[in-house]
Structures are given as C-alpha cells and as structure tokens.
C-alpha cells in the first residue's frame, strides 16, 4: 500500500512494516527526512551532506562541486565511498568516520585503502553495530592485517559469492568463502583472479558473453573453478566441476532420491534410470 506522505499525515494506527512496505512511500519519507535535516543544519558551523534519489545536497553550497550533486548510482553503498574520496580530496581531515550497518560498504572502503585512493596520512574508520555490539573498525589496520593483495581481491570475492542471505552457492556460507580465501597464500592465483574482476574484459561489454557462449570459462577465470572445488570438496585432488559433481552427487544417490520422492498425487516420479545417469555424463 502506498501512502502520500505530507506534514499532516496521521500514522498513529499504521505499523512501520506497513508504512515501509511500498518503495515509493519510503522514497518520499527519505526525501522529507533529508530536507528536514538540511533545514536543521542550515547556517551551522558543521558540514553536512545528505543523499536521496539521484540528488546529493550539502548544507553549504560551496561544499560540493556541481558535477557531484547528481548521480546515477542505484544504491547508497557506492555513493558513500564516492563521498569519502571527495572529502579526502578537498579537505585536510586526518580522520574520516563512516557509520553504516552494511558490510558491503566495509568491503568498498577496504578497496579504497588497498588501492591507495586515500594516501597514507588519512585515517578511515568504519563505525557499525548498536549497543554492546557497537564497534569501530580501523580500515587501514584491517587492510594491513589481511594484506594489500588479498584486500584488493575482497570486492571480487564479495560479488562472486553473492548475498549473505540466499547466496549463490547452496550449503556454503559467506563466512566459509571468506575463511577459505583468507587462508590461501597472498600470491595464489585466486587472489589475482578476484583482484582482476571488473577490470579485465571491461573494454568490451560483450566479450564475457561471447567467451561464455562456447561453454568454456575464459582462461583468466579458470581459477574460480579450482576455488569452488576447494571449498566444496573434501578431496584436495579435485579441481574441476565435473569431478566435483560426481563427488557431491554420485549416481548411486539418484535411485534413492527417486525412491524417496513422491509427486503431488502420491505416485513416484517416472524417469528412466538411464536418463538420470545421463545427467552426469
């Protein structure tokens, strides 16, 4: 349900779940909140920047150049690092704090530091959590502990493995992927692969699609196959997906699966055994 948000709207009997259930309503609320905050800080000695929809608004007009006052980013996640870079470029701040509950932003900030976009004198901190779980993470310190090369590859790993909830890979959590990645040597081929993602083949948008249409991975992305096998397989000798399928889903499991599976009408599914085994050839 969409609400037309205005100053006189009555929401006393409306739950937050219902109020936030519509994207357009949330967009209206975000704009009203942003404009109210700007009005509150009008004339303040404190510098404030708000962002909503495709707009970036400062409480002082000279804070931002015209080209940065609009954007086409789909999410705030990628706008936050942009503001960090801009703040670093036009001020002498020694410390920049970013408060955010989203781990995506943490990965992006680590990417900034690992690639030297903030120089060496600026301290960047990530503030997250609430109550007893509140913590301050020093980004440069984390990059130093993990290593520069691995930190550069984190953004590729993050995109490859998908969301924290309902990720791309069944049965393997985000924590498992990251733990396996951090355990490899810094010069491992998977580190170089994840670091190169987003850069290689970027000049031609159709290049990746054309290479994948022939059924083969581009050579620079074959380490991804080896890494997937390393995470899923209990045998260190397996490094190809066909072999991994045989380990995870051996043909002996297929008849058992069909014996234990019933159709909605209570009958067993009918599929010739040779068709079942054909799946793994």
Protein backbone atom coordinates (compact mmCIF):
# COMPACT_ATOMS: atom_id res chain seq x y z
CA UNK A 1 0.00 0.00 0.00
CA UNK A 2 1.34 3.43 -0.98
CA UNK A 3 0.93 6.39 1.36
CA UNK A 4 1.01 10.00 0.20
CA UNK A 5 3.36 11.46 2.78
CA UNK A 6 2.83 15.07 3.91
CA UNK A 7 3.15 17.11 7.11
CA UNK A 8 -0.43 16.44 8.24
CA UNK A 9 -0.49 12.69 7.59
CA UNK A 10 -1.70 10.59 10.52
CA UNK A 11 0.18 7.36 11.01
CA UNK A 12 -0.80 6.63 14.61
CA UNK A 13 -2.58 3.44 13.58
CA UNK A 14 -0.16 2.44 10.85
CA UNK A 15 2.58 -0.09 11.63
CA UNK A 16 6.15 0.59 10.49
CA UNK A 17 6.06 -2.61 8.46
CA UNK A 18 3.01 -1.37 6.56
CA UNK A 19 4.43 2.13 6.19
CA UNK A 20 7.71 0.89 4.72
CA UNK A 21 6.17 -1.83 2.53
CA UNK A 22 5.98 0.42 -0.53
CA UNK A 23 9.12 1.67 -2.30
CA UNK A 24 7.57 5.00 -3.35
CA UNK A 25 6.45 5.70 0.23
CA UNK A 26 9.97 5.02 1.51
CA UNK A 27 11.36 7.34 -1.16
CA UNK A 28 9.03 10.14 -0.02
CA UNK A 29 9.96 9.62 3.63
CA UNK A 30 13.67 9.67 2.79
CA UNK A 31 13.33 12.95 0.90
CA UNK A 32 11.33 14.59 3.72
CA UNK A 33 13.88 13.43 6.32
CA UNK A 34 16.82 14.64 4.22
CA UNK A 35 15.31 18.07 3.62
CA UNK A 36 14.38 18.41 7.32
CA UNK A 37 17.96 17.60 8.37
CA UNK A 38 19.32 20.16 5.90
CA UNK A 39 16.96 22.79 7.29
CA UNK A 40 18.06 21.95 10.85
CA UNK A 41 21.74 22.37 9.97
CA UNK A 42 21.22 25.49 7.84
CA UNK A 43 23.83 28.04 8.91
CA UNK A 44 25.57 25.55 11.21
CA UNK A 45 29.36 25.51 11.52
CA UNK A 46 29.16 21.76 10.95
CA UNK A 47 29.41 20.50 7.39
CA UNK A 48 26.59 18.17 6.34
CA UNK A 49 25.81 16.27 3.14
CA UNK A 50 22.64 14.23 2.51
CA UNK A 51 21.84 11.98 -0.41
CA UNK A 52 18.50 10.71 -1.68
CA UNK A 53 17.15 9.55 -5.05
CA UNK A 54 19.62 10.95 -7.59
CA UNK A 55 20.49 14.05 -5.54
CA UNK A 56 23.36 14.98 -3.22
CA UNK A 57 22.65 18.08 -1.13
CA UNK A 58 25.06 19.97 1.20
CA UNK A 59 24.10 22.47 3.90
CA UNK A 60 26.67 24.81 2.35
CA UNK A 61 26.58 25.27 -1.41
CA UNK A 62 30.38 25.57 -1.68
CA UNK A 63 30.93 22.15 -0.11
CA UNK A 64 30.27 20.23 -3.32
CA UNK A 65 31.11 20.88 -6.95
CA UNK A 66 28.18 20.83 -9.38
CA UNK A 67 29.17 17.56 -11.04
CA UNK A 68 28.85 15.64 -7.77
CA UNK A 69 25.41 16.99 -6.83
CA UNK A 70 23.60 14.42 -9.00
CA UNK A 71 24.36 10.76 -9.62
CA UNK A 72 23.03 7.60 -11.27
CA UNK A 73 24.02 5.09 -8.56
CA UNK A 74 21.33 2.54 -7.76
CA UNK A 75 22.30 2.19 -4.10
CA UNK A 76 23.84 4.32 -1.37
CA UNK A 77 26.54 1.65 -0.90
CA UNK A 78 28.56 3.00 -3.80
CA UNK A 79 27.82 6.67 -3.06
CA UNK A 80 29.44 6.51 0.39
CA UNK A 81 32.96 5.71 -0.93
CA UNK A 82 32.47 8.46 -3.50
CA UNK A 83 31.86 10.98 -0.69
CA UNK A 84 34.88 9.64 1.19
CA UNK A 85 37.13 10.25 -1.83
CA UNK A 86 35.64 13.70 -2.38
CA UNK A 87 36.06 14.64 1.30
CA UNK A 88 39.67 13.46 1.20
CA UNK A 89 40.41 15.46 -1.96
CA UNK A 90 39.01 18.79 -0.75
CA UNK A 91 39.89 18.86 2.95
CA UNK A 92 42.75 18.30 5.38
CA UNK A 93 40.86 15.94 7.67
CA UNK A 94 43.10 13.42 9.41
CA UNK A 95 40.23 11.06 10.24
CA UNK A 96 37.07 10.20 8.31
CA UNK A 97 34.38 8.17 10.09
CA UNK A 98 31.72 6.25 8.18
CA UNK A 99 28.77 4.90 10.17
CA UNK A 100 26.96 2.11 8.38
CA UNK A 101 25.46 -1.31 9.27
CA UNK A 102 26.15 -2.70 5.78
CA UNK A 103 29.17 -4.94 5.24
CA UNK A 104 29.10 -4.09 1.52
CA UNK A 105 30.32 -0.60 2.44
CA UNK A 106 33.12 -2.06 4.59
CA UNK A 107 34.37 -4.06 1.58
CA UNK A 108 34.26 -0.97 -0.64
CA UNK A 109 36.15 1.14 1.91
CA UNK A 110 38.83 -1.55 2.21
CA UNK A 111 39.09 -1.49 -1.57
CA UNK A 112 39.71 2.29 -1.47
CA UNK A 113 42.52 1.98 1.06
CA UNK A 114 44.12 -1.10 -0.54
CA UNK A 115 44.32 0.70 -3.89
CA UNK A 116 45.85 3.83 -2.37
CA UNK A 117 42.96 6.23 -3.07
CA UNK A 118 43.28 7.89 0.36
CA UNK A 119 47.04 8.27 0.51
CA UNK A 120 48.83 7.33 3.72
CA UNK A 121 48.00 10.13 6.17
CA UNK A 122 44.19 9.90 6.32
CA UNK A 123 42.67 7.56 8.91
CA UNK A 124 39.44 5.89 7.77
CA UNK A 125 37.17 4.27 10.37
CA UNK A 126 34.05 2.17 9.92
CA UNK A 127 31.50 2.57 12.74
CA UNK A 128 28.90 -0.18 12.96
CA UNK A 129 26.62 -2.06 15.32
CA UNK A 130 24.42 -0.90 18.19
CA UNK A 131 24.58 -1.16 21.98
CA UNK A 132 27.01 -3.83 23.14
CA UNK A 133 27.72 -4.78 19.51
CA UNK A 134 28.87 -1.28 18.59
CA UNK A 135 32.45 -1.27 17.34
CA UNK A 136 34.91 0.91 15.49
CA UNK A 137 36.93 -0.75 12.73
CA UNK A 138 40.11 0.92 11.52
CA UNK A 139 40.10 0.24 7.76
CA UNK A 140 43.81 0.79 7.22
CA UNK A 141 44.59 -1.55 10.11
CA UNK A 142 42.35 -4.31 8.65
CA UNK A 143 43.98 -3.94 5.23
CA UNK A 144 47.41 -4.22 6.85
CA UNK A 145 46.44 -7.40 8.75
CA UNK A 146 44.79 -9.11 5.75
CA UNK A 147 47.43 -7.92 3.31
CA UNK A 148 47.26 -5.45 0.44
CA UNK A 149 46.84 -8.05 -2.32
CA UNK A 150 44.10 -10.03 -0.60
CA UNK A 151 42.27 -6.82 0.35
CA UNK A 152 42.17 -5.80 -3.31
CA UNK A 153 40.56 -9.15 -4.15
CA UNK A 154 37.84 -8.96 -1.49
CA UNK A 155 35.48 -7.00 -3.71
CA UNK A 156 35.70 -9.66 -6.44
CA UNK A 157 35.12 -12.42 -3.88
CA UNK A 158 32.16 -10.50 -2.44
CA UNK A 159 30.43 -10.21 -5.82
CA UNK A 160 31.24 -13.76 -6.88
CA UNK A 161 29.76 -15.38 -3.77
CA UNK A 162 26.58 -13.27 -3.67
CA UNK A 163 24.44 -12.02 -0.80
CA UNK A 164 24.78 -13.07 2.84
CA UNK A 165 21.19 -14.33 2.84
CA UNK A 166 20.23 -16.56 -0.06
CA UNK A 167 23.69 -16.55 -1.62
CA UNK A 168 24.61 -18.01 -4.99
CA UNK A 169 26.05 -21.24 -3.58
CA UNK A 170 23.95 -23.81 -1.72
CA UNK A 171 25.28 -25.08 1.59
CA UNK A 172 28.28 -22.76 1.82
CA UNK A 173 28.04 -19.61 3.94
CA UNK A 174 29.72 -16.29 3.26
CA UNK A 175 31.92 -16.90 6.30
CA UNK A 176 33.19 -20.17 4.77
CA UNK A 177 34.07 -18.47 1.48
CA UNK A 178 35.94 -15.66 3.22
CA UNK A 179 37.74 -18.06 5.59
CA UNK A 180 38.96 -20.15 2.63
CA UNK A 181 40.03 -17.04 0.76
CA UNK A 182 41.98 -15.64 3.70
CA UNK A 183 43.73 -18.99 4.18
CA UNK A 184 45.39 -19.02 0.74
CA UNK A 185 48.86 -17.51 0.18
CA UNK A 186 48.88 -13.86 -1.00
CA UNK A 187 50.40 -14.90 -4.34
CA UNK A 188 47.75 -17.57 -5.02
CA UNK A 189 46.14 -17.44 -8.47
CA UNK A 190 42.65 -16.95 -6.97
CA UNK A 191 43.79 -13.71 -5.30
CA UNK A 192 44.93 -12.37 -8.67
CA UNK A 193 41.69 -13.54 -10.28
CA UNK A 194 39.42 -11.82 -7.78
CA UNK A 195 41.55 -8.67 -7.99
CA UNK A 196 41.22 -8.58 -11.79
CA UNK A 197 37.43 -8.99 -11.80
CA UNK A 198 35.81 -5.79 -13.04
CA UNK A 199 38.94 -4.72 -14.89
CA UNK A 200 39.73 -7.49 -17.39
CA UNK A 201 37.45 -7.59 -20.46
CA UNK A 202 35.86 -4.34 -19.30
CA UNK A 203 36.56 -2.52 -22.56
CA UNK A 204 34.11 -4.72 -24.49
CA UNK A 205 30.78 -5.34 -22.72
CA UNK A 206 30.01 -8.31 -24.99
CA UNK A 207 33.39 -10.01 -24.54
CA UNK A 208 32.44 -12.06 -21.48
CA UNK A 209 29.16 -13.19 -23.02
CA UNK A 210 30.84 -14.27 -26.25
CA UNK A 211 33.51 -16.22 -24.36
CA UNK A 212 30.95 -17.99 -22.20
CA UNK A 213 28.70 -18.88 -25.14
CA UNK A 214 31.16 -21.55 -26.28
CA UNK A 215 30.75 -23.34 -22.94
CA UNK A 216 34.23 -22.58 -21.65
CA UNK A 217 35.42 -20.16 -18.99
CA UNK A 218 37.92 -17.50 -20.09
CA UNK A 219 41.42 -18.67 -19.12
CA UNK A 220 41.85 -15.89 -16.54
CA UNK A 221 38.73 -17.06 -14.71
CA UNK A 222 39.53 -20.79 -14.52
CA UNK A 223 40.99 -20.37 -11.01
CA UNK A 224 37.38 -19.71 -9.93
CA UNK A 225 36.56 -23.30 -10.82
CA UNK A 226 39.51 -24.57 -8.77
CA UNK A 227 38.48 -22.37 -5.83
CA UNK A 228 34.86 -23.61 -5.88
CA UNK A 229 36.14 -27.19 -5.84
CA UNK A 230 38.50 -26.41 -2.96
CA UNK A 231 35.62 -25.03 -0.85
CA UNK A 232 33.10 -27.78 -1.62
CA UNK A 233 35.30 -30.85 -1.96
CA UNK A 234 36.76 -32.95 0.83
CA UNK A 235 39.42 -34.22 -1.57
CA UNK A 236 42.28 -31.91 -2.41
CA UNK A 237 42.83 -33.64 -5.76
CA UNK A 238 39.55 -32.40 -7.27
CA UNK A 239 39.90 -29.17 -9.25
CA UNK A 240 37.24 -29.45 -11.98
CA UNK A 241 33.46 -29.06 -11.70
CA UNK A 242 32.57 -32.37 -13.45
CA UNK A 243 34.65 -34.28 -10.89
CA UNK A 244 33.10 -32.26 -8.08
CA UNK A 245 29.59 -33.19 -9.28
CA UNK A 246 30.49 -36.86 -9.10
CA UNK A 247 31.69 -36.42 -5.52
CA UNK A 248 28.71 -34.39 -4.31
CA UNK A 249 26.02 -36.22 -6.26
CA UNK A 250 27.22 -39.74 -7.09
CA UNK A 251 24.94 -41.78 -9.39
CA UNK A 252 24.17 -44.16 -6.51
CA UNK A 253 22.18 -41.36 -4.86
CA UNK A 254 19.84 -40.88 -7.82
CA UNK A 255 17.74 -44.07 -7.44
CA UNK A 256 17.49 -43.38 -3.69
CA UNK A 257 16.30 -39.88 -4.42
CA UNK A 258 13.53 -41.08 -6.69
CA UNK A 259 12.50 -43.82 -4.27
CA UNK A 260 12.08 -41.22 -1.51
CA UNK A 261 10.44 -38.58 -3.66
CA UNK A 262 6.73 -38.54 -4.47
CA UNK A 263 4.66 -36.45 -6.81
CA UNK A 264 1.77 -34.29 -5.54
CA UNK A 265 -0.68 -37.11 -6.37
CA UNK A 266 1.26 -39.55 -4.19
CA UNK A 267 2.91 -41.50 -7.01
CA UNK A 268 6.64 -41.80 -7.61
CA UNK A 269 8.09 -39.66 -10.38
CA UNK A 270 8.63 -41.55 -13.59
CA UNK A 271 12.03 -41.04 -15.15
CA UNK A 272 14.07 -43.82 -16.77
CA UNK A 273 17.25 -44.60 -14.88
CA UNK A 274 19.37 -44.11 -17.97
CA UNK A 275 18.05 -40.52 -18.14
CA UNK A 276 19.11 -39.98 -14.51
CA UNK A 277 22.64 -41.18 -15.11
CA UNK A 278 22.79 -39.18 -18.33
CA UNK A 279 22.83 -36.03 -16.17
CA UNK A 280 26.37 -36.81 -15.03
CA UNK A 281 27.96 -37.84 -18.30
